[in-house]
């Protein structure tokens, strides 16, 4: 960058590449920090009975630009807000992780939808995409810390997001499942406890 013979255009290209790498490193460091805080209960994690709708909207707002950039058809099915036991900031992080993965592994012009279903004890929040899907033998491995499928090792990612999401849900006495067909798409379901009005 400091060499005079490099054209301003090339300097701009280098600068943009450096910024992307800095952003990636920052994200990895922040994720590792969050992971350690949750594993060692440093953050004083607290959940409470609050409406889930705003938590979902916060997550969608965070990734909406990426959805538009890839021209992905996004649907948030209409649902009645429900009080669920969760921490808004941390649970929004779970949904952001799942949505970012869906965007990353779905082709341009694909579809992603969010659907909320209520049951007696839990409410299920489904994030469904028609992306590349996950091989059946990998559906448990993807939740392990730092796991990266050989098929996506050349794509951006650190193997932290799903592990971190599981940690968060454990703190909320919730859980997550995945139903996926390789080459056809995935459905990640987050289950959070219902709270009485």
C-alpha atoms as a PDB file:
ATOM      1  CA  UNK A   1       0.000   0.000   0.000  1.00  0.00           C
ATOM      2  CA  UNK A   2       2.881   2.383   0.725  1.00  0.00           C
ATOM      3  CA  UNK A   3       4.660   1.738  -2.570  1.00  0.00           C
ATOM      4  CA  UNK A   4       4.368   4.704  -4.891  1.00  0.00           C
ATOM      5  CA  UNK A   5       4.320   2.600  -8.071  1.00  0.00           C
ATOM      6  CA  UNK A   6       0.962   1.041  -7.132  1.00  0.00           C
ATOM      7  CA  UNK A   7      -1.892   2.849  -8.874  1.00  0.00           C
ATOM      8  CA  UNK A   8      -4.678   4.447  -6.811  1.00  0.00           C
ATOM      9  CA  UNK A   9      -7.112   1.919  -8.305  1.00  0.00           C
ATOM     10  CA  UNK A  10      -4.997  -1.018  -7.079  1.00  0.00           C
ATOM     11  CA  UNK A  11      -4.668   0.607  -3.663  1.00  0.00           C
ATOM     12  CA  UNK A  12      -8.455   0.824  -3.490  1.00  0.00           C
ATOM     13  CA  UNK A  13      -8.767  -2.888  -4.334  1.00  0.00           C
ATOM     14  CA  UNK A  14      -6.161  -3.820  -1.692  1.00  0.00           C
ATOM     15  CA  UNK A  15      -7.850  -1.572   0.849  1.00  0.00           C
ATOM     16  CA  UNK A  16     -11.235  -3.213   0.263  1.00  0.00           C
ATOM     17  CA  UNK A  17      -9.706  -6.704   0.587  1.00  0.00           C
ATOM     18  CA  UNK A  18      -7.978  -5.710   3.814  1.00  0.00           C
ATOM     19  CA  UNK A  19     -11.225  -4.319   5.213  1.00  0.00           C
ATOM     20  CA  UNK A  20     -13.067  -7.579   4.449  1.00  0.00           C
ATOM     21  CA  UNK A  21     -10.336  -9.562   6.227  1.00  0.00           C
ATOM     22  CA  UNK A  22     -10.407  -7.202   9.219  1.00  0.00           C
ATOM     23  CA  UNK A  23     -14.204  -7.571   9.424  1.00  0.00           C
ATOM     24  CA  UNK A  24     -13.873 -11.361   9.278  1.00  0.00           C
ATOM     25  CA  UNK A  25     -11.231 -11.399  12.026  1.00  0.00           C
ATOM     26  CA  UNK A  26     -13.333  -9.083  14.173  1.00  0.00           C
ATOM     27  CA  UNK A  27     -16.339 -11.400  13.788  1.00  0.00           C
ATOM     28  CA  UNK A  28     -14.285 -14.480  14.721  1.00  0.00           C
ATOM     29  CA  UNK A  29     -12.774 -12.778  17.797  1.00  0.00           C
ATOM     30  CA  UNK A  30     -16.199 -11.535  18.924  1.00  0.00           C
ATOM     31  CA  UNK A  31     -17.726 -14.999  18.425  1.00  0.00           C
ATOM     32  CA  UNK A  32     -14.922 -16.677  20.380  1.00  0.00           C
ATOM     33  CA  UNK A  33     -15.365 -14.135  23.163  1.00  0.00           C
ATOM     34  CA  UNK A  34     -19.120 -14.786  23.303  1.00  0.00           C
ATOM     35  CA  UNK A  35     -18.500 -18.530  23.304  1.00  0.00           C
ATOM     36  CA  UNK A  36     -16.113 -18.335  26.257  1.00  0.00           C
ATOM     37  CA  UNK A  37     -18.503 -16.057  28.187  1.00  0.00           C
ATOM     38  CA  UNK A  38     -21.357 -18.506  27.709  1.00  0.00           C
ATOM     39  CA  UNK A  39     -19.276 -21.618  28.461  1.00  0.00           C
ATOM     40  CA  UNK A  40     -17.950 -20.081  31.680  1.00  0.00           C
ATOM     41  CA  UNK A  41     -21.144 -18.194  32.547  1.00  0.00           C
ATOM     42  CA  UNK A  42     -19.228 -14.910  32.726  1.00  0.00           C
ATOM     43  CA  UNK A  43     -21.920 -12.734  31.169  1.00  0.00           C
ATOM     44  CA  UNK A  44     -24.590 -13.344  33.817  1.00  0.00           C
ATOM     45  CA  UNK A  45     -26.938 -14.607  31.099  1.00  0.00           C
ATOM     46  CA  UNK A  46     -30.573 -13.976  31.961  1.00  0.00           C
ATOM     47  CA  UNK A  47     -33.719 -14.965  30.128  1.00  0.00           C
ATOM     48  CA  UNK A  48     -37.230 -13.694  30.760  1.00  0.00           C
ATOM     49  CA  UNK A  49     -40.774 -13.851  29.408  1.00  0.00           C
ATOM     50  CA  UNK A  50     -40.841 -11.473  26.441  1.00  0.00           C
ATOM     51  CA  UNK A  51     -42.508 -11.391  23.031  1.00  0.00           C
ATOM     52  CA  UNK A  52     -40.664 -13.305  20.322  1.00  0.00           C
ATOM     53  CA  UNK A  53     -41.840 -11.180  17.378  1.00  0.00           C
ATOM     54  CA  UNK A  54     -39.448  -8.263  17.999  1.00  0.00           C
ATOM     55  CA  UNK A  55     -36.540 -10.670  18.523  1.00  0.00           C
ATOM     56  CA  UNK A  56     -37.183 -12.214  15.108  1.00  0.00           C
ATOM     57  CA  UNK A  57     -37.618  -8.781  13.480  1.00  0.00           C
ATOM     58  CA  UNK A  58     -34.297  -7.613  14.980  1.00  0.00           C
ATOM     59  CA  UNK A  59     -32.539 -10.591  13.395  1.00  0.00           C
ATOM     60  CA  UNK A  60     -34.220 -10.083  10.008  1.00  0.00           C
ATOM     61  CA  UNK A  61     -33.279  -6.406  10.058  1.00  0.00           C
ATOM     62  CA  UNK A  62     -29.625  -7.356  10.635  1.00  0.00           C
ATOM     63  CA  UNK A  63     -29.380  -9.585   7.555  1.00  0.00           C
ATOM     64  CA  UNK A  64     -31.941  -7.916   5.260  1.00  0.00           C
ATOM     65  CA  UNK A  65     -29.294  -6.212   3.137  1.00  0.00           C
ATOM     66  CA  UNK A  66     -27.651  -9.592   2.436  1.00  0.00           C
ATOM     67  CA  UNK A  67     -31.029 -11.028   1.421  1.00  0.00           C
ATOM     68  CA  UNK A  68     -31.552  -8.169  -1.038  1.00  0.00           C
ATOM     69  CA  UNK A  69     -28.013  -8.392  -2.398  1.00  0.00           C
ATOM     70  CA  UNK A  70     -28.524 -12.069  -3.325  1.00  0.00           C
ATOM     71  CA  UNK A  71     -32.069 -11.363  -4.566  1.00  0.00           C
ATOM     72  CA  UNK A  72     -33.429 -14.014  -2.224  1.00  0.00           C
ATOM     73  CA  UNK A  73     -37.208 -14.304  -1.924  1.00  0.00           C
ATOM     74  CA  UNK A  74     -37.818 -13.902   1.800  1.00  0.00           C
ATOM     75  CA  UNK A  75     -41.076 -14.621   3.636  1.00  0.00           C
ATOM     76  CA  UNK A  76     -41.938 -14.085   7.282  1.00  0.00           C
ATOM     77  CA  UNK A  77     -45.273 -15.807   7.758  1.00  0.00           C
ATOM     78  CA  UNK A  78     -47.814 -13.863   9.795  1.00  0.00           C
ATOM     79  CA  UNK A  79     -48.136 -15.013  13.404  1.00  0.00           C
ATOM     80  CA  UNK A  80     -49.504 -13.860  16.727  1.00  0.00           C
ATOM     81  CA  UNK A  81     -46.802 -12.660  19.125  1.00  0.00           C
ATOM     82  CA  UNK A  82     -46.144 -14.987  22.037  1.00  0.00           C
ATOM     83  CA  UNK A  83     -44.322 -14.624  25.338  1.00  0.00           C
ATOM     84  CA  UNK A  84     -41.373 -17.006  25.276  1.00  0.00           C
ATOM     85  CA  UNK A  85     -38.586 -17.499  27.789  1.00  0.00           C
ATOM     86  CA  UNK A  86     -35.492 -16.029  26.153  1.00  0.00           C
ATOM     87  CA  UNK A  87     -32.886 -13.293  26.156  1.00  0.00           C
ATOM     88  CA  UNK A  88     -33.667 -10.914  23.282  1.00  0.00           C
ATOM     89  CA  UNK A  89     -30.074  -9.956  22.420  1.00  0.00           C
ATOM     90  CA  UNK A  90     -28.668 -13.489  22.543  1.00  0.00           C
ATOM     91  CA  UNK A  91     -31.630 -15.144  20.830  1.00  0.00           C
ATOM     92  CA  UNK A  92     -31.520 -12.586  18.016  1.00  0.00           C
ATOM     93  CA  UNK A  93     -27.914 -13.759  17.608  1.00  0.00           C
ATOM     94  CA  UNK A  94     -29.175 -17.338  17.135  1.00  0.00           C
ATOM     95  CA  UNK A  95     -31.588 -16.246  14.404  1.00  0.00           C
ATOM     96  CA  UNK A  96     -28.923 -14.076  12.731  1.00  0.00           C
ATOM     97  CA  UNK A  97     -26.548 -17.073  12.639  1.00  0.00           C
ATOM     98  CA  UNK A  98     -29.215 -19.301  11.096  1.00  0.00           C
ATOM     99  CA  UNK A  99     -30.333 -16.675   8.584  1.00  0.00           C
ATOM    100  CA  UNK A 100     -26.770 -15.825   7.550  1.00  0.00           C
ATOM    101  CA  UNK A 101     -26.088 -19.517   6.949  1.00  0.00           C
ATOM    102  CA  UNK A 102     -29.289 -19.795   4.927  1.00  0.00           C
ATOM    103  CA  UNK A 103     -28.262 -16.804   2.779  1.00  0.00           C
ATOM    104  CA  UNK A 104     -24.704 -18.109   2.368  1.00  0.00           C
ATOM    105  CA  UNK A 105     -25.754 -21.581   1.221  1.00  0.00           C
ATOM    106  CA  UNK A 106     -28.749 -20.564  -0.914  1.00  0.00           C
ATOM    107  CA  UNK A 107     -28.227 -19.644  -4.558  1.00  0.00           C
ATOM    108  CA  UNK A 108     -29.097 -16.200  -5.907  1.00  0.00           C
ATOM    109  CA  UNK A 109     -32.858 -15.938  -6.383  1.00  0.00           C
ATOM    110  CA  UNK A 110     -33.554 -18.771  -3.924  1.00  0.00           C
ATOM    111  CA  UNK A 111     -36.079 -18.730  -1.098  1.00  0.00           C
ATOM    112  CA  UNK A 112     -35.873 -18.407   2.687  1.00  0.00           C
ATOM    113  CA  UNK A 113     -38.873 -18.338   5.005  1.00  0.00           C
ATOM    114  CA  UNK A 114     -39.583 -18.066   8.711  1.00  0.00           C
ATOM    115  CA  UNK A 115     -42.594 -19.837  10.195  1.00  0.00           C
ATOM    116  CA  UNK A 116     -43.710 -19.823  13.845  1.00  0.00           C
ATOM    117  CA  UNK A 117     -45.717 -22.741  15.277  1.00  0.00           C
ATOM    118  CA  UNK A 118     -47.073 -22.960  18.811  1.00  0.00           C
ATOM    119  CA  UNK A 119     -47.421 -26.091  20.912  1.00  0.00           C
ATOM    120  CA  UNK A 120     -48.413 -26.707  24.532  1.00  0.00           C
ATOM    121  CA  UNK A 121     -44.981 -26.266  26.123  1.00  0.00           C
ATOM    122  CA  UNK A 122     -42.798 -24.839  23.362  1.00  0.00           C
ATOM    123  CA  UNK A 123     -43.006 -22.567  20.343  1.00  0.00           C
ATOM    124  CA  UNK A 124     -41.107 -23.609  17.224  1.00  0.00           C
ATOM    125  CA  UNK A 125     -39.452 -21.010  14.996  1.00  0.00           C
ATOM    126  CA  UNK A 126     -38.548 -22.574  11.641  1.00  0.00           C
ATOM    127  CA  UNK A 127     -36.001 -21.092   9.248  1.00  0.00           C
ATOM    128  CA  UNK A 128     -36.390 -22.873   5.910  1.00  0.00           C
ATOM    129  CA  UNK A 129     -34.291 -22.489   2.760  1.00  0.00           C
ATOM    130  CA  UNK A 130     -33.977 -24.203  -0.615  1.00  0.00           C
ATOM    131  CA  UNK A 131     -30.179 -24.058  -0.573  1.00  0.00           C
ATOM    132  CA  UNK A 132     -27.519 -26.743  -0.879  1.00  0.00           C
ATOM    133  CA  UNK A 133     -28.714 -28.722   2.149  1.00  0.00           C
ATOM    134  CA  UNK A 134     -26.685 -30.948   4.461  1.00  0.00           C
ATOM    135  CA  UNK A 135     -25.738 -34.591   4.069  1.00  0.00           C
ATOM    136  CA  UNK A 136     -27.559 -36.837   6.564  1.00  0.00           C
ATOM    137  CA  UNK A 137     -24.302 -38.077   8.112  1.00  0.00           C
ATOM    138  CA  UNK A 138     -23.270 -34.490   8.921  1.00  0.00           C
ATOM    139  CA  UNK A 139     -26.436 -33.289  10.673  1.00  0.00           C
ATOM    140  CA  UNK A 140     -24.974 -33.915  14.145  1.00  0.00           C
ATOM    141  CA  UNK A 141     -21.436 -32.784  13.282  1.00  0.00           C
ATOM    142  CA  UNK A 142     -22.554 -29.288  12.207  1.00  0.00           C
ATOM    143  CA  UNK A 143     -23.307 -28.391  15.842  1.00  0.00           C
ATOM    144  CA  UNK A 144     -19.777 -29.257  17.001  1.00  0.00           C
ATOM    145  CA  UNK A 145     -17.343 -26.457  17.746  1.00  0.00           C
ATOM    146  CA  UNK A 146     -15.261 -25.458  14.671  1.00  0.00           C
ATOM    147  CA  UNK A 147     -16.816 -28.141  12.453  1.00  0.00           C
ATOM    148  CA  UNK A 148     -16.768 -27.273   8.723  1.00  0.00           C
ATOM    149  CA  UNK A 149     -18.124 -29.588   6.055  1.00  0.00           C
ATOM    150  CA  UNK A 150     -15.498 -30.531   3.448  1.00  0.00           C
ATOM    151  CA  UNK A 151     -17.988 -29.308   0.811  1.00  0.00           C
ATOM    152  CA  UNK A 152     -17.921 -25.710   2.114  1.00  0.00           C
ATOM    153  CA  UNK A 153     -14.359 -25.417   3.408  1.00  0.00           C
ATOM    154  CA  UNK A 154     -13.548 -22.941   0.609  1.00  0.00           C
ATOM    155  CA  UNK A 155     -16.463 -20.677   1.597  1.00  0.00           C
ATOM    156  CA  UNK A 156     -16.370 -18.067   4.347  1.00  0.00           C
ATOM    157  CA  UNK A 157     -17.100 -19.392   7.814  1.00  0.00           C
ATOM    158  CA  UNK A 158     -15.499 -20.427  11.080  1.00  0.00           C
ATOM    159  CA  UNK A 159     -17.592 -23.328  12.386  1.00  0.00           C
ATOM    160  CA  UNK A 160     -18.584 -21.328  15.468  1.00  0.00           C
ATOM    161  CA  UNK A 161     -22.100 -20.066  14.677  1.00  0.00           C
ATOM    162  CA  UNK A 162     -24.171 -23.211  15.212  1.00  0.00           C
ATOM    163  CA  UNK A 163     -22.162 -24.255  18.269  1.00  0.00           C
ATOM    164  CA  UNK A 164     -22.669 -20.791  19.773  1.00  0.00           C
ATOM    165  CA  UNK A 165     -26.385 -20.899  18.925  1.00  0.00           C
ATOM    166  CA  UNK A 166     -26.761 -24.220  20.729  1.00  0.00           C
ATOM    167  CA  UNK A 167     -24.998 -22.805  23.792  1.00  0.00           C
ATOM    168  CA  UNK A 168     -27.410 -19.868  23.876  1.00  0.00           C
ATOM    169  CA  UNK A 169     -30.478 -22.098  23.562  1.00  0.00           C
ATOM    170  CA  UNK A 170     -29.223 -24.395  26.334  1.00  0.00           C
ATOM    171  CA  UNK A 171     -29.057 -21.364  28.638  1.00  0.00           C
ATOM    172  CA  UNK A 172     -32.712 -20.675  27.790  1.00  0.00           C
ATOM    173  CA  UNK A 173     -33.763 -24.307  28.327  1.00  0.00           C
ATOM    174  CA  UNK A 174     -34.564 -24.434  24.630  1.00  0.00           C
ATOM    175  CA  UNK A 175     -33.115 -26.504  21.816  1.00  0.00           C
ATOM    176  CA  UNK A 176     -32.606 -26.708  18.063  1.00  0.00           C
ATOM    177  CA  UNK A 177     -33.150 -29.397  15.428  1.00  0.00           C
ATOM    178  CA  UNK A 178     -32.351 -29.648  11.734  1.00  0.00           C
ATOM    179  CA  UNK A 179     -34.135 -31.436   8.921  1.00  0.00           C
ATOM    180  CA  UNK A 180     -32.218 -31.298   5.663  1.00  0.00           C
ATOM    181  CA  UNK A 181     -32.004 -32.950   2.276  1.00  0.00           C
ATOM    182  CA  UNK A 182     -28.718 -32.601   0.458  1.00  0.00           C
ATOM    183  CA  UNK A 183     -29.146 -30.538  -2.689  1.00  0.00           C
ATOM    184  CA  UNK A 184     -32.679 -29.435  -1.788  1.00  0.00           C
ATOM    185  CA  UNK A 185     -32.517 -27.297   1.341  1.00  0.00           C
ATOM    186  CA  UNK A 186     -32.689 -27.200   5.122  1.00  0.00           C
ATOM    187  CA  UNK A 187     -35.117 -26.445   7.918  1.00  0.00           C
ATOM    188  CA  UNK A 188     -33.585 -25.343  11.224  1.00  0.00           C
ATOM    189  CA  UNK A 189     -36.111 -25.312  14.079  1.00  0.00           C
ATOM    190  CA  UNK A 190     -35.568 -23.363  17.300  1.00  0.00           C
ATOM    191  CA  UNK A 191     -37.759 -24.398  20.233  1.00  0.00           C
ATOM    192  CA  UNK A 192     -38.295 -21.938  23.090  1.00  0.00           C
ATOM    193  CA  UNK A 193     -40.422 -22.396  26.212  1.00  0.00           C
ATOM    194  CA  UNK A 194     -43.869 -20.793  26.307  1.00  0.00           C
ATOM    195  CA  UNK A 195     -44.621 -18.423  29.186  1.00  0.00           C
ATOM    196  CA  UNK A 196     -48.068 -17.699  30.584  1.00  0.00           C
ATOM    197  CA  UNK A 197     -49.571 -14.292  29.783  1.00  0.00           C
END
